C-alpha cells in the first residue's frame, strides 16, 4: 500500500484560546525525514482582545519552520532579528546551541480583526550540527520557485523537486512543498525524498485511490511514485527528507540526541542564561515538572 500510516493528530490549547492541531510527534511515528513537530493552526479569527501572542521562549537542537496561508505574525529573537511573517514566505530559524524568540501580533494589527492560518514545523538538526550557531533565514513569497505539475500548482518551499530548487538553506536533505488544486484533477508525486508524507490542509485527497481525510498526515511507503487526486479545490503539503537517524529526545521546546543536553538547556533557561529578545521583558517560564533524567 502506498500509505503506510494515517495520523489525525490531536487538538492542543497553547493558552489564551490559541488552539492547534498537532500531528507530530506521535506515538506511532516520531518524525518524517527531519520533521519531528507539526502544528496546524487556524483558520482562527484574531480579535483585538485575543491573547494569542507567544512570549519569549527558548529552543535548542532544531530549526523552526513557519509558513502562513493567511494573516501575519511578528518574529523577534535574541539575535536582534525582527521580521514580519507574511503569507507564502518561509521563515527558518536555526536554534542550534540556543536561541530565544517571540511570536506576536504585528503592531499595525493590534486594534484590528484578522484571520491567522498556517503551519509551524520543527526540523531536528543532524547530530553534527546540533550545536551550530543560531541564525535566522527569511525567504519572501516571491522568491519561492513555483510550477505546474499535472492539474496542481506546486511551490517548492524547501529542498529540490521537479527541477526547481528552493533558496532556503538547510543542514540535511529536506523537502517541503505546497500543492494546490484549483479544481478536480490529479498529479504524480515521485519519491522525492527518502521519507515522505502528505498533509491534507482543507480537503480529502486520493493517494493511489486511498482516501486521506482533511487534516490528516499520510506517511508514504518509500521509493514509490504515487498519484494524488482531488475531487475539487484542495491544498496539501508534502514534507520529508533524509531519515533522522538517531532518536531525538524532546522536552518542552528542546530537542537533542542527548538527554543531558536538554537538562543543561532547562537549567540555563531557568537561570535566564540563554539570551533575551530586545525590548521584551516577558518570558515563558520553564514547566514546573521535569521528566526523569531532565
Protein backbone atom coordinates (compact mmCIF):
# COMPACT_ATOMS: atom_id res chain seq x y z
CA UNK A 1 0.00 0.00 0.00
CA UNK A 2 1.31 3.49 -0.83
CA UNK A 3 0.08 4.91 2.51
CA UNK A 4 1.67 3.15 5.48
CA UNK A 5 0.17 5.31 8.24
CA UNK A 6 -2.51 7.97 8.64
CA UNK A 7 -2.22 10.38 11.58
CA UNK A 8 -5.15 12.62 12.53
CA UNK A 9 -3.25 14.28 15.39
CA UNK A 10 -4.79 15.85 18.46
CA UNK A 11 -6.02 19.30 19.46
CA UNK A 12 -3.84 21.27 21.87
CA UNK A 13 -4.56 24.62 23.54
CA UNK A 14 -1.38 26.70 23.70
CA UNK A 15 -3.05 29.22 26.00
CA UNK A 16 -5.27 32.24 25.54
CA UNK A 17 -7.59 30.22 23.34
CA UNK A 18 -4.86 29.62 20.74
CA UNK A 19 -5.69 26.08 19.58
CA UNK A 20 -3.58 23.97 17.20
CA UNK A 21 -3.84 20.53 15.65
CA UNK A 22 -0.61 18.64 16.44
CA UNK A 23 0.32 15.82 14.04
CA UNK A 24 3.91 15.17 15.13
CA UNK A 25 5.39 13.84 17.29
CA UNK A 26 3.04 10.89 17.71
CA UNK A 27 3.23 7.51 19.42
CA UNK A 28 3.48 5.52 16.18
CA UNK A 29 5.84 7.92 14.41
CA UNK A 30 8.33 10.42 15.84
CA UNK A 31 9.39 12.05 12.58
CA UNK A 32 9.13 12.14 8.80
CA UNK A 33 12.57 12.98 7.47
CA UNK A 34 13.91 15.69 9.82
CA UNK A 35 10.44 16.95 10.74
CA UNK A 36 9.51 15.85 14.26
CA UNK A 37 6.98 18.52 15.17
CA UNK A 38 3.98 19.60 13.09
CA UNK A 39 1.34 22.11 14.23
CA UNK A 40 -1.55 23.32 12.07
CA UNK A 41 -3.21 26.43 13.47
CA UNK A 42 -6.39 28.10 12.23
CA UNK A 43 -8.04 29.43 10.32
CA UNK A 44 -8.73 31.40 13.50
CA UNK A 45 -10.23 34.88 13.81
CA UNK A 46 -7.96 37.08 15.92
CA UNK A 47 -9.91 39.83 17.70
CA UNK A 48 -8.32 42.95 19.25
CA UNK A 49 -8.72 41.41 22.73
CA UNK A 50 -7.38 37.96 21.75
CA UNK A 51 -4.34 36.71 23.69
CA UNK A 52 -2.53 34.70 21.04
CA UNK A 53 0.93 36.25 21.41
CA UNK A 54 3.66 33.75 22.25
CA UNK A 55 6.04 35.27 24.79
CA UNK A 56 9.83 34.81 24.53
CA UNK A 57 10.84 31.16 24.88
CA UNK A 58 13.98 29.12 24.10
CA UNK A 59 14.95 26.37 21.66
CA UNK A 60 17.99 24.14 21.09
CA UNK A 61 18.89 21.44 18.57
CA UNK A 62 16.23 22.24 15.97
CA UNK A 63 15.06 24.67 13.30
CA UNK A 64 11.59 26.18 13.41
CA UNK A 65 9.84 26.44 10.04
CA UNK A 66 6.92 28.89 9.94
CA UNK A 67 4.57 29.18 6.94
CA UNK A 68 1.38 31.24 6.76
CA UNK A 69 -1.56 30.73 4.42
CA UNK A 70 -3.28 33.84 5.75
CA UNK A 71 -2.64 36.55 8.34
CA UNK A 72 0.57 37.90 9.85
CA UNK A 73 2.99 37.37 12.74
CA UNK A 74 5.94 39.33 14.07
CA UNK A 75 9.06 37.29 14.84
CA UNK A 76 11.70 38.67 17.20
CA UNK A 77 14.70 36.79 18.55
CA UNK A 78 17.78 37.09 20.75
CA UNK A 79 19.97 37.69 17.68
CA UNK A 80 18.21 41.03 17.21
CA UNK A 81 16.09 39.80 14.29
CA UNK A 82 12.71 41.48 13.80
CA UNK A 83 10.81 40.01 10.87
CA UNK A 84 7.18 40.24 9.85
CA UNK A 85 5.96 36.83 8.69
CA UNK A 86 3.59 37.13 5.74
CA UNK A 87 1.61 34.52 3.77
CA UNK A 88 3.68 32.49 1.32
CA UNK A 89 7.08 33.27 2.88
CA UNK A 90 9.30 30.69 4.57
CA UNK A 91 10.92 31.57 7.88
CA UNK A 92 13.61 29.14 9.00
CA UNK A 93 15.12 29.78 12.44
CA UNK A 94 18.11 27.62 13.37
CA UNK A 95 18.21 27.26 17.16
CA UNK A 96 21.38 25.17 17.28
CA UNK A 97 23.20 25.84 20.55
CA UNK A 98 20.37 28.05 21.75
CA UNK A 99 18.09 30.91 20.77
CA UNK A 100 15.15 32.80 22.31
CA UNK A 101 12.26 34.17 20.24
CA UNK A 102 8.74 35.55 20.46
CA UNK A 103 5.83 35.41 18.03
CA UNK A 104 3.35 38.26 18.33
CA UNK A 105 0.63 40.21 16.55
CA UNK A 106 2.21 42.98 14.41
CA UNK A 107 1.74 46.49 15.83
CA UNK A 108 -0.40 47.66 12.92
CA UNK A 109 -2.92 44.85 13.60
CA UNK A 110 -3.28 45.34 17.36
CA UNK A 111 -6.66 47.06 17.02
CA UNK A 112 -7.87 45.06 14.03
CA UNK A 113 -9.68 41.76 13.48
CA UNK A 114 -7.94 39.40 11.09
CA UNK A 115 -7.56 35.68 10.33
CA UNK A 116 -4.41 33.68 11.06
CA UNK A 117 -3.88 30.34 9.36
CA UNK A 118 -0.68 28.41 8.91
CA UNK A 119 1.78 25.75 9.95
CA UNK A 120 4.76 25.56 12.24
CA UNK A 121 7.15 22.64 11.96
CA UNK A 122 10.38 21.78 13.73
CA UNK A 123 13.21 20.16 11.81
CA UNK A 124 15.70 18.31 14.01
CA UNK A 125 19.26 19.26 13.16
CA UNK A 126 21.69 16.46 12.21
CA UNK A 127 23.82 15.35 15.15
CA UNK A 128 26.89 17.07 13.69
CA UNK A 129 25.00 20.41 13.61
CA UNK A 130 23.01 20.26 16.86
CA UNK A 131 25.30 22.86 18.45
CA UNK A 132 25.71 25.10 15.40
CA UNK A 133 25.49 28.86 15.99
CA UNK A 134 21.87 30.10 15.91
CA UNK A 135 20.67 32.01 12.86
CA UNK A 136 17.53 33.22 11.09
CA UNK A 137 16.65 32.99 7.40
CA UNK A 138 13.67 34.74 5.77
CA UNK A 139 12.67 33.85 2.20
CA UNK A 140 9.87 36.07 0.83
CA UNK A 141 6.95 34.56 -1.07
CA UNK A 142 8.12 35.90 -4.43
CA UNK A 143 11.46 34.05 -4.08
CA UNK A 144 9.80 30.63 -3.77
CA UNK A 145 10.02 28.69 -7.07
CA UNK A 146 6.64 27.60 -8.48
CA UNK A 147 5.49 25.35 -11.32
CA UNK A 148 2.51 23.36 -12.52
CA UNK A 149 2.57 19.57 -12.22
CA UNK A 150 -0.43 17.86 -13.75
CA UNK A 151 -3.52 19.70 -12.51
CA UNK A 152 -1.74 21.18 -9.47
CA UNK A 153 0.36 24.22 -8.72
CA UNK A 154 3.45 23.31 -6.71
CA UNK A 155 5.54 25.74 -4.63
CA UNK A 156 8.96 24.33 -3.69
CA UNK A 157 9.26 25.82 -0.21
CA UNK A 158 12.33 23.84 0.91
CA UNK A 159 14.56 21.43 -0.98
CA UNK A 160 14.52 20.35 -4.61
CA UNK A 161 11.65 18.99 -6.70
CA UNK A 162 10.65 18.80 -10.35
CA UNK A 163 13.88 20.51 -11.40
CA UNK A 164 13.42 23.52 -9.10
CA UNK A 165 15.50 24.33 -6.02
CA UNK A 166 14.39 26.44 -3.06
CA UNK A 167 16.82 29.09 -1.78
CA UNK A 168 16.09 28.17 1.87
CA UNK A 169 19.33 26.87 3.48
CA UNK A 170 19.19 23.51 5.30
CA UNK A 171 21.61 21.14 7.03
CA UNK A 172 20.38 17.85 5.52
CA UNK A 173 18.21 16.73 2.59
CA UNK A 174 14.83 18.30 3.39
CA UNK A 175 11.65 18.61 1.33
CA UNK A 176 8.61 20.84 1.87
CA UNK A 177 6.05 21.55 -0.87
CA UNK A 178 2.79 23.48 -1.03
CA UNK A 179 0.49 21.75 -3.55
CA UNK A 180 -2.80 23.35 -4.62
CA UNK A 181 -5.58 22.08 -6.88
CA UNK A 182 -7.86 24.86 -8.18
CA UNK A 183 -10.42 22.24 -9.21
CA UNK A 184 -10.74 18.49 -9.60
CA UNK A 185 -7.65 16.85 -11.07
CA UNK A 186 -4.56 14.79 -10.38
CA UNK A 187 -0.78 14.81 -10.39
CA UNK A 188 2.03 12.30 -9.97
CA UNK A 189 4.27 12.62 -6.93
CA UNK A 190 7.63 10.86 -7.38
CA UNK A 191 9.68 9.52 -4.47
CA UNK A 192 11.40 12.88 -3.99
CA UNK A 193 12.93 12.00 -0.61
CA UNK A 194 13.96 9.02 1.49
CA UNK A 195 10.95 9.61 3.75
CA UNK A 196 7.80 11.37 2.59
CA UNK A 197 4.33 12.30 3.87
CA UNK A 198 1.32 14.22 2.59
CA UNK A 199 -0.80 16.51 4.80
CA UNK A 200 -4.31 17.42 3.68
CA UNK A 201 -4.86 21.05 4.68
CA UNK A 202 -8.52 21.58 3.81
CA UNK A 203 -9.99 18.72 1.79
CA UNK A 204 -9.73 14.98 1.27
CA UNK A 205 -7.45 13.65 -1.48
CA UNK A 206 -6.94 10.24 -3.01
CA UNK A 207 -3.47 8.70 -2.81
CA UNK A 208 -3.41 5.89 -5.39
CA UNK A 209 -7.12 5.53 -4.75
CA UNK A 210 -6.92 5.53 -0.94
CA UNK A 211 -8.86 8.37 0.72
CA UNK A 212 -6.91 10.64 3.04
CA UNK A 213 -9.39 12.82 5.00
CA UNK A 214 -8.84 16.53 5.69
CA UNK A 215 -6.34 17.42 8.46
CA UNK A 216 -4.55 14.07 8.12
CA UNK A 217 -0.85 13.30 7.76
CA UNK A 218 -0.40 10.32 5.44
CA UNK A 219 3.05 8.69 5.62
CA UNK A 220 4.01 7.19 2.27
CA UNK A 221 5.85 3.97 1.54
CA UNK A 222 9.44 4.71 0.50
CA UNK A 223 10.58 4.63 -3.10
CA UNK A 224 7.17 4.80 -4.77
CA UNK A 225 5.62 7.22 -7.24
CA UNK A 226 2.00 7.89 -6.24
CA UNK A 227 -0.98 9.55 -7.85
CA UNK A 228 -2.62 12.41 -5.94
CA UNK A 229 -6.19 13.10 -6.97
CA UNK A 230 -8.51 15.88 -5.78
CA UNK A 231 -12.27 15.87 -6.32
CA UNK A 232 -12.40 19.67 -6.18
CA UNK A 233 -10.33 22.58 -4.84
CA UNK A 234 -7.78 21.23 -2.35
CA UNK A 235 -4.50 22.14 -0.72
CA UNK A 236 -1.93 19.73 0.64
CA UNK A 237 1.60 19.85 1.95
CA UNK A 238 4.33 17.35 1.06
CA UNK A 239 7.11 17.00 3.61
CA UNK A 240 10.05 14.75 4.32
CA UNK A 241 13.73 14.28 3.67
CA UNK A 242 16.59 12.09 4.81
CA UNK A 243 15.89 9.79 7.74
CA UNK A 244 16.54 11.39 11.11
CA UNK A 245 18.77 8.52 12.19
CA UNK A 246 19.38 8.59 15.94
CA UNK A 247 16.32 9.01 18.16
CA UNK A 248 15.78 12.54 19.42
CA UNK A 249 14.77 13.43 22.95
CA UNK A 250 12.07 16.11 23.04
CA UNK A 251 11.00 18.03 26.10
CA UNK A 252 9.16 21.32 26.10
CA UNK A 253 10.95 23.47 23.46
CA UNK A 254 14.17 21.48 23.45
CA UNK A 255 15.37 18.77 21.06
CA UNK A 256 18.62 16.82 21.32
CA UNK A 257 20.15 13.41 20.73
CA UNK A 258 21.45 13.66 24.33
CA UNK A 259 19.09 13.84 27.28
CA UNK A 260 21.73 15.53 29.43
CA UNK A 261 21.90 18.39 26.89
CA UNK A 262 18.19 19.05 27.39
CA UNK A 263 18.76 19.08 31.14
CA UNK A 264 21.51 21.67 30.69
CA UNK A 265 19.27 23.84 28.49
CA UNK A 266 16.49 23.65 31.08
CA UNK A 267 18.88 24.82 33.78
CA UNK A 268 20.17 27.61 31.55
CA UNK A 269 16.66 28.87 30.78
CA UNK A 270 15.60 28.73 34.41
CA UNK A 271 18.63 30.87 35.26
CA UNK A 272 17.91 33.17 32.26
CA UNK A 273 21.29 32.45 30.66
CA UNK A 274 20.05 31.86 27.08
CA UNK A 275 19.70 35.42 25.88
CA UNK A 276 16.88 37.92 25.65
CA UNK A 277 14.62 39.33 22.97
CA UNK A 278 15.37 43.04 22.68
CA UNK A 279 12.76 45.36 24.25
CA UNK A 280 10.83 42.44 25.77
CA UNK A 281 10.76 41.59 29.45
CA UNK A 282 8.10 38.85 29.46
CA UNK A 283 9.06 35.20 29.05
CA UNK A 284 7.55 31.73 29.24
CA UNK A 285 8.70 30.04 32.44
CA UNK A 286 10.12 26.54 32.48
CA UNK A 287 7.39 23.95 33.21
CA UNK A 288 7.29 23.13 36.91
CA UNK A 289 7.72 19.40 36.44
CA UNK A 290 10.55 17.80 34.53
CA UNK A 291 10.51 14.18 33.34
CA UNK A 292 13.01 11.71 34.83
CA UNK A 293 16.54 12.39 33.69
CA UNK A 294 15.81 16.00 32.80
